Each structure stands twice: as C-alpha cells, then as structure tokens.
Amino acid sequence: MGRTQGALAAIERSDDVFSRAKAGEDVAWMSYYDNAQHHGDTGHASFDLALLPGQSSAMATSRLRTATNEHADDYERSRALSGTKPATLIMAMAVLKEAVSIRQRPLDEVG
C-alpha cells in the first residue's frame, strides 16, 4: 500500500525482538513460534514487497526457504505454504522482466 520502507522496518524490528527471545520463557500459547515460524511469517510479509516493481525477491526467497527447511513434520501446511511462494516469485519476476522488455521497445521507438 505504498509503505515499503515501513514494512521493511517492521520486519527488521521483529527480527530484533525475536533474536532476544529465550527458549522456555514463552507463554504456552506462543510455543509454536520458533525460527521456522518467524522466517515463514516474515517471508510471507516480504513476499508481498518483492512483487512490487524495483524490489528484490532475495529476502523473501531466503526466509521462505529457511521456513520450508526448518518446519517440523507437525507443520506440513506451513511448510507447504512457505514452499510454494519462492516458485511464485520466480514466475512473477520472469513475467515482470518480460513486461519490462516488451515495454522498452515502444519507449525506445518514441525516443
């Protein structure tokens, strides 16, 4: 919604807060929130940013792959959701590159 820098700052703040968490100190209802979950949640957030023109998909891809690799067997759905999005990014980026190349010719022709 046009607030890319604010979203990136929120992801960075969440990384900072998560890095200070200590195993066994969470309340029971937060016990599921581990490294895989954190990378999945922030990967999904950065996925939306990566689809914006001029943005990189590196953060989203890295985080989603970490989530996919680290989600335990009890979290198959989370692993599957995190696993599909890097492929979506690759397809979307290819389409964006194609769109840019298609757009470039008429712009070049008109000077």
N, C-alpha and C. Protein backbone atom coordinates (compact mmCIF):
# COMPACT_ATOMS: atom_id res chain seq x y z
N MET A 1 0.84 -1.20 0.00
CA MET A 1 0.00 0.00 0.00
C MET A 1 0.88 1.25 0.00
N GLY A 2 2.07 1.11 -0.60
CA GLY A 2 2.93 2.26 -0.73
C GLY A 2 3.81 2.55 0.47
N ARG A 3 3.86 1.64 1.41
CA ARG A 3 4.66 1.88 2.61
C ARG A 3 5.73 0.81 2.75
N THR A 4 6.49 0.63 1.70
CA THR A 4 7.51 -0.41 1.65
C THR A 4 8.54 -0.26 2.76
N GLN A 5 9.04 0.95 2.93
CA GLN A 5 10.07 1.16 3.96
C GLN A 5 9.54 0.88 5.36
N GLY A 6 8.29 1.23 5.62
CA GLY A 6 7.67 0.93 6.92
C GLY A 6 7.54 -0.57 7.14
N ALA A 7 7.19 -1.29 6.09
CA ALA A 7 7.07 -2.75 6.20
C ALA A 7 8.44 -3.38 6.44
N LEU A 8 9.45 -2.91 5.71
CA LEU A 8 10.81 -3.44 5.92
C LEU A 8 11.30 -3.14 7.33
N ALA A 9 10.98 -1.96 7.83
CA ALA A 9 11.37 -1.59 9.20
C ALA A 9 10.67 -2.49 10.22
N ALA A 10 9.41 -2.84 9.97
CA ALA A 10 8.68 -3.72 10.87
C ALA A 10 9.29 -5.12 10.87
N ILE A 11 9.71 -5.60 9.71
CA ILE A 11 10.36 -6.91 9.63
C ILE A 11 11.67 -6.87 10.42
N GLU A 12 12.42 -5.79 10.25
CA GLU A 12 13.68 -5.65 10.98
C GLU A 12 13.46 -5.61 12.49
N ARG A 13 12.43 -4.89 12.92
CA ARG A 13 12.11 -4.84 14.36
C ARG A 13 11.72 -6.22 14.87
N SER A 14 10.95 -6.96 14.07
CA SER A 14 10.55 -8.30 14.51
C SER A 14 11.77 -9.21 14.61
N ASP A 15 12.73 -9.06 13.70
CA ASP A 15 13.98 -9.83 13.80
C ASP A 15 14.70 -9.52 15.10
N ASP A 16 14.75 -8.24 15.44
CA ASP A 16 15.43 -7.83 16.66
C ASP A 16 14.75 -8.42 17.90
N VAL A 17 13.45 -8.31 17.96
CA VAL A 17 12.71 -8.84 19.12
C VAL A 17 12.87 -10.35 19.19
N PHE A 18 12.73 -11.03 18.05
CA PHE A 18 12.85 -12.49 18.04
C PHE A 18 14.25 -12.93 18.45
N SER A 19 15.27 -12.17 18.07
CA SER A 19 16.65 -12.56 18.41
C SER A 19 16.90 -12.52 19.91
N ARG A 20 16.08 -11.78 20.65
CA ARG A 20 16.26 -11.68 22.10
C ARG A 20 15.42 -12.70 22.88
N ALA A 21 14.59 -13.46 22.17
CA ALA A 21 13.76 -14.47 22.84
C ALA A 21 14.63 -15.60 23.37
N LYS A 22 14.22 -16.15 24.49
CA LYS A 22 14.96 -17.26 25.09
C LYS A 22 14.04 -18.47 25.18
N ALA A 23 14.56 -19.60 24.73
CA ALA A 23 13.79 -20.84 24.75
C ALA A 23 13.28 -21.14 26.16
N GLY A 24 12.03 -21.53 26.24
CA GLY A 24 11.44 -21.90 27.52
C GLY A 24 10.85 -20.73 28.30
N GLU A 25 11.02 -19.52 27.83
CA GLU A 25 10.48 -18.36 28.54
C GLU A 25 9.16 -17.87 27.96
N ASP A 26 8.73 -18.44 26.85
CA ASP A 26 7.49 -18.01 26.23
C ASP A 26 6.29 -18.55 26.98
N VAL A 27 5.19 -17.82 26.89
CA VAL A 27 3.93 -18.35 27.42
C VAL A 27 3.53 -19.53 26.56
N ALA A 28 2.74 -20.43 27.10
CA ALA A 28 2.41 -21.69 26.42
C ALA A 28 1.84 -21.49 25.02
N TRP A 29 0.97 -20.49 24.85
CA TRP A 29 0.33 -20.31 23.55
C TRP A 29 1.28 -19.78 22.48
N MET A 30 2.50 -19.40 22.85
CA MET A 30 3.49 -18.94 21.87
C MET A 30 4.56 -19.99 21.59
N SER A 31 4.40 -21.18 22.12
CA SER A 31 5.44 -22.20 21.99
C SER A 31 5.68 -22.62 20.53
N TYR A 32 4.71 -22.43 19.66
CA TYR A 32 4.86 -22.79 18.25
C TYR A 32 5.79 -21.83 17.51
N TYR A 33 6.00 -20.64 18.07
CA TYR A 33 6.72 -19.59 17.34
C TYR A 33 8.22 -19.81 17.48
N ASP A 34 8.76 -20.56 16.53
CA ASP A 34 10.19 -20.87 16.53
C ASP A 34 10.86 -20.19 15.33
N ASN A 35 12.08 -20.55 15.05
CA ASN A 35 12.82 -19.95 13.94
C ASN A 35 12.11 -20.16 12.61
N ALA A 36 11.58 -21.36 12.40
CA ALA A 36 10.86 -21.64 11.16
C ALA A 36 9.63 -20.74 11.03
N GLN A 37 8.88 -20.60 12.09
CA GLN A 37 7.68 -19.78 12.06
C GLN A 37 8.02 -18.31 11.81
N HIS A 38 9.06 -17.84 12.49
CA HIS A 38 9.48 -16.44 12.31
C HIS A 38 9.89 -16.18 10.85
N HIS A 39 10.69 -17.08 10.31
CA HIS A 39 11.11 -16.90 8.92
C HIS A 39 9.93 -17.04 7.96
N GLY A 40 9.00 -17.92 8.26
CA GLY A 40 7.81 -18.04 7.43
C GLY A 40 6.97 -16.78 7.46
N ASP A 41 6.69 -16.27 8.66
CA ASP A 41 5.87 -15.06 8.78
C ASP A 41 6.52 -13.86 8.10
N THR A 42 7.80 -13.66 8.35
CA THR A 42 8.48 -12.51 7.75
C THR A 42 8.73 -12.75 6.25
N GLY A 43 8.86 -14.01 5.86
CA GLY A 43 8.98 -14.33 4.44
C GLY A 43 7.71 -14.02 3.69
N HIS A 44 6.57 -14.33 4.31
CA HIS A 44 5.28 -14.02 3.66
C HIS A 44 5.09 -12.50 3.56
N ALA A 45 5.52 -11.77 4.58
CA ALA A 45 5.42 -10.31 4.54
C ALA A 45 6.33 -9.74 3.45
N SER A 46 7.55 -10.24 3.36
CA SER A 46 8.47 -9.72 2.35
C SER A 46 8.12 -10.21 0.94
N PHE A 47 7.38 -11.30 0.84
CA PHE A 47 6.89 -11.79 -0.45
C PHE A 47 6.06 -10.71 -1.14
N ASP A 48 5.13 -10.12 -0.39
CA ASP A 48 4.28 -9.08 -0.97
C ASP A 48 5.12 -7.89 -1.44
N LEU A 49 6.15 -7.56 -0.69
CA LEU A 49 7.03 -6.45 -1.09
C LEU A 49 7.82 -6.80 -2.34
N ALA A 50 8.25 -8.05 -2.43
CA ALA A 50 9.07 -8.48 -3.58
C ALA A 50 8.33 -8.38 -4.90
N LEU A 51 7.02 -8.41 -4.84
CA LEU A 51 6.22 -8.31 -6.06
C LEU A 51 6.10 -6.89 -6.58
N LEU A 52 6.54 -5.92 -5.80
CA LEU A 52 6.48 -4.52 -6.22
C LEU A 52 7.60 -4.23 -7.22
N PRO A 53 7.35 -3.38 -8.18
CA PRO A 53 8.39 -3.03 -9.15
C PRO A 53 9.64 -2.48 -8.46
N GLY A 54 10.78 -2.96 -8.89
CA GLY A 54 12.05 -2.47 -8.37
C GLY A 54 12.51 -3.10 -7.08
N GLN A 55 11.75 -4.03 -6.55
CA GLN A 55 12.12 -4.68 -5.30
C GLN A 55 12.79 -6.02 -5.58
N SER A 56 13.64 -6.42 -4.68
CA SER A 56 14.34 -7.70 -4.79
C SER A 56 13.51 -8.81 -4.14
N SER A 57 13.67 -10.00 -4.67
CA SER A 57 12.98 -11.15 -4.08
C SER A 57 13.90 -11.93 -3.14
N ALA A 58 15.14 -11.47 -2.95
CA ALA A 58 16.13 -12.22 -2.18
C ALA A 58 15.71 -12.45 -0.74
N MET A 59 15.20 -11.42 -0.06
CA MET A 59 14.81 -11.58 1.34
C MET A 59 13.69 -12.60 1.47
N ALA A 60 12.66 -12.44 0.67
CA ALA A 60 11.52 -13.35 0.75
C ALA A 60 11.94 -14.77 0.43
N THR A 61 12.71 -14.96 -0.61
CA THR A 61 13.13 -16.29 -1.01
C THR A 61 13.96 -16.96 0.09
N SER A 62 14.89 -16.22 0.64
CA SER A 62 15.75 -16.77 1.70
C SER A 62 14.94 -17.16 2.93
N ARG A 63 14.07 -16.28 3.36
CA ARG A 63 13.27 -16.56 4.56
C ARG A 63 12.30 -17.71 4.35
N LEU A 64 11.68 -17.74 3.20
CA LEU A 64 10.73 -18.81 2.93
C LEU A 64 11.43 -20.17 2.80
N ARG A 65 12.62 -20.17 2.24
CA ARG A 65 13.37 -21.43 2.15
C ARG A 65 13.79 -21.90 3.54
N THR A 66 14.20 -20.97 4.40
CA THR A 66 14.54 -21.34 5.77
C THR A 66 13.32 -21.95 6.46
N ALA A 67 12.18 -21.32 6.32
CA ALA A 67 10.95 -21.84 6.92
C ALA A 67 10.64 -23.23 6.40
N THR A 68 10.73 -23.41 5.09
CA THR A 68 10.44 -24.70 4.47
C THR A 68 11.37 -25.79 5.01
N ASN A 69 12.64 -25.46 5.12
CA ASN A 69 13.63 -26.44 5.59
C ASN A 69 13.53 -26.75 7.07
N GLU A 70 13.03 -25.81 7.86
CA GLU A 70 13.05 -25.98 9.32
C GLU A 70 11.71 -26.34 9.94
N HIS A 71 10.61 -26.19 9.21
CA HIS A 71 9.31 -26.56 9.82
C HIS A 71 9.30 -28.05 10.12
N ALA A 72 8.89 -28.37 11.32
CA ALA A 72 8.79 -29.77 11.75
C ALA A 72 7.64 -30.47 11.02
N ASP A 73 7.63 -31.77 11.07
CA ASP A 73 6.59 -32.56 10.39
C ASP A 73 5.18 -32.22 10.86
N ASP A 74 5.05 -31.72 12.09
CA ASP A 74 3.73 -31.34 12.60
C ASP A 74 3.18 -30.10 11.90
N TYR A 75 4.02 -29.42 11.14
CA TYR A 75 3.63 -28.18 10.49
C TYR A 75 3.70 -28.30 8.97
N GLU A 76 3.12 -29.38 8.44
CA GLU A 76 3.14 -29.63 7.00
C GLU A 76 2.50 -28.50 6.20
N ARG A 77 1.38 -28.00 6.69
CA ARG A 77 0.69 -26.92 5.97
C ARG A 77 1.57 -25.68 5.89
N SER A 78 2.19 -25.30 7.00
CA SER A 78 3.08 -24.13 6.99
C SER A 78 4.25 -24.35 6.05
N ARG A 79 4.80 -25.56 6.08
CA ARG A 79 5.92 -25.89 5.21
C ARG A 79 5.50 -25.80 3.74
N ALA A 80 4.33 -26.30 3.43
CA ALA A 80 3.83 -26.27 2.05
C ALA A 80 3.59 -24.83 1.58
N LEU A 81 2.96 -24.02 2.43
CA LEU A 81 2.70 -22.63 2.06
C LEU A 81 4.00 -21.85 1.84
N SER A 82 4.96 -22.08 2.71
CA SER A 82 6.26 -21.41 2.56
C SER A 82 7.01 -21.94 1.34
N GLY A 83 6.79 -23.18 1.00
CA GLY A 83 7.50 -23.79 -0.11
C GLY A 83 7.00 -23.37 -1.48
N THR A 84 5.75 -22.96 -1.58
CA THR A 84 5.22 -22.59 -2.89
C THR A 84 5.57 -21.16 -3.30
N LYS A 85 5.78 -20.31 -2.34
CA LYS A 85 5.97 -18.90 -2.67
C LYS A 85 7.28 -18.58 -3.39
N PRO A 86 8.41 -19.24 -3.10
CA PRO A 86 9.60 -18.95 -3.91
C PRO A 86 9.38 -19.23 -5.40
N ALA A 87 8.66 -20.30 -5.70
CA ALA A 87 8.36 -20.59 -7.11
C ALA A 87 7.46 -19.51 -7.70
N THR A 88 6.52 -19.03 -6.93
CA THR A 88 5.65 -17.95 -7.38
C THR A 88 6.47 -16.70 -7.69
N LEU A 89 7.44 -16.41 -6.82
CA LEU A 89 8.29 -15.24 -7.06
C LEU A 89 9.10 -15.38 -8.34
N ILE A 90 9.64 -16.56 -8.55
CA ILE A 90 10.42 -16.78 -9.76
C ILE A 90 9.55 -16.56 -11.00
N MET A 91 8.33 -17.11 -10.97
CA MET A 91 7.42 -16.91 -12.10
C MET A 91 7.04 -15.45 -12.25
N ALA A 92 6.76 -14.78 -11.14
CA ALA A 92 6.36 -13.37 -11.20
C ALA A 92 7.50 -12.51 -11.71
N MET A 93 8.71 -12.79 -11.26
CA MET A 93 9.86 -11.99 -11.70
C MET A 93 10.11 -12.19 -13.20
N ALA A 94 9.92 -13.39 -13.68
CA ALA A 94 10.10 -13.64 -15.11
C ALA A 94 9.08 -12.83 -15.91
N VAL A 95 7.86 -12.80 -15.43
CA VAL A 95 6.81 -12.04 -16.12
C VAL A 95 7.14 -10.54 -16.06
N LEU A 96 7.61 -10.07 -14.91
CA LEU A 96 7.97 -8.66 -14.80
C LEU A 96 9.10 -8.31 -15.76
N LYS A 97 10.10 -9.18 -15.85
CA LYS A 97 11.21 -8.92 -16.77
C LYS A 97 10.70 -8.88 -18.21
N GLU A 98 9.79 -9.81 -18.53
CA GLU A 98 9.22 -9.82 -19.88
C GLU A 98 8.43 -8.55 -20.13
N ALA A 99 7.65 -8.13 -19.14
CA ALA A 99 6.86 -6.90 -19.29
C ALA A 99 7.77 -5.70 -19.51
N VAL A 100 8.87 -5.64 -18.78
CA VAL A 100 9.81 -4.53 -18.94
C VAL A 100 10.42 -4.55 -20.33
N SER A 101 10.79 -5.73 -20.81
CA SER A 101 11.39 -5.80 -22.15
C SER A 101 10.38 -5.44 -23.23
N ILE A 102 9.13 -5.85 -23.06
CA ILE A 102 8.08 -5.50 -24.02
C ILE A 102 7.83 -3.99 -24.01
N ARG A 103 7.82 -3.43 -22.83
CA ARG A 103 7.57 -2.00 -22.68
C ARG A 103 8.72 -1.19 -23.26
N GLN A 104 9.92 -1.69 -23.20
CA GLN A 104 11.10 -0.93 -23.58
C GLN A 104 11.12 -0.59 -25.07
N ARG A 105 10.71 -1.53 -25.92
CA ARG A 105 10.78 -1.27 -27.36
C ARG A 105 9.97 -0.05 -27.78
N PRO A 106 8.68 0.04 -27.41
CA PRO A 106 7.95 1.24 -27.83
C PRO A 106 8.54 2.53 -27.23
N LEU A 107 9.06 2.44 -26.02
CA LEU A 107 9.68 3.63 -25.43
C LEU A 107 10.92 4.03 -26.20
N ASP A 108 11.70 3.04 -26.62
CA ASP A 108 12.89 3.33 -27.43
C ASP A 108 12.51 3.95 -28.77
N GLU A 109 11.42 3.46 -29.35
CA GLU A 109 10.99 3.95 -30.67
C GLU A 109 10.52 5.39 -30.64
N VAL A 110 9.91 5.78 -29.52
CA VAL A 110 9.44 7.17 -29.43
C VAL A 110 10.51 8.11 -28.89
N GLY A 111 11.63 7.54 -28.47
CA GLY A 111 12.76 8.36 -28.04
C GLY A 111 12.58 8.83 -26.64
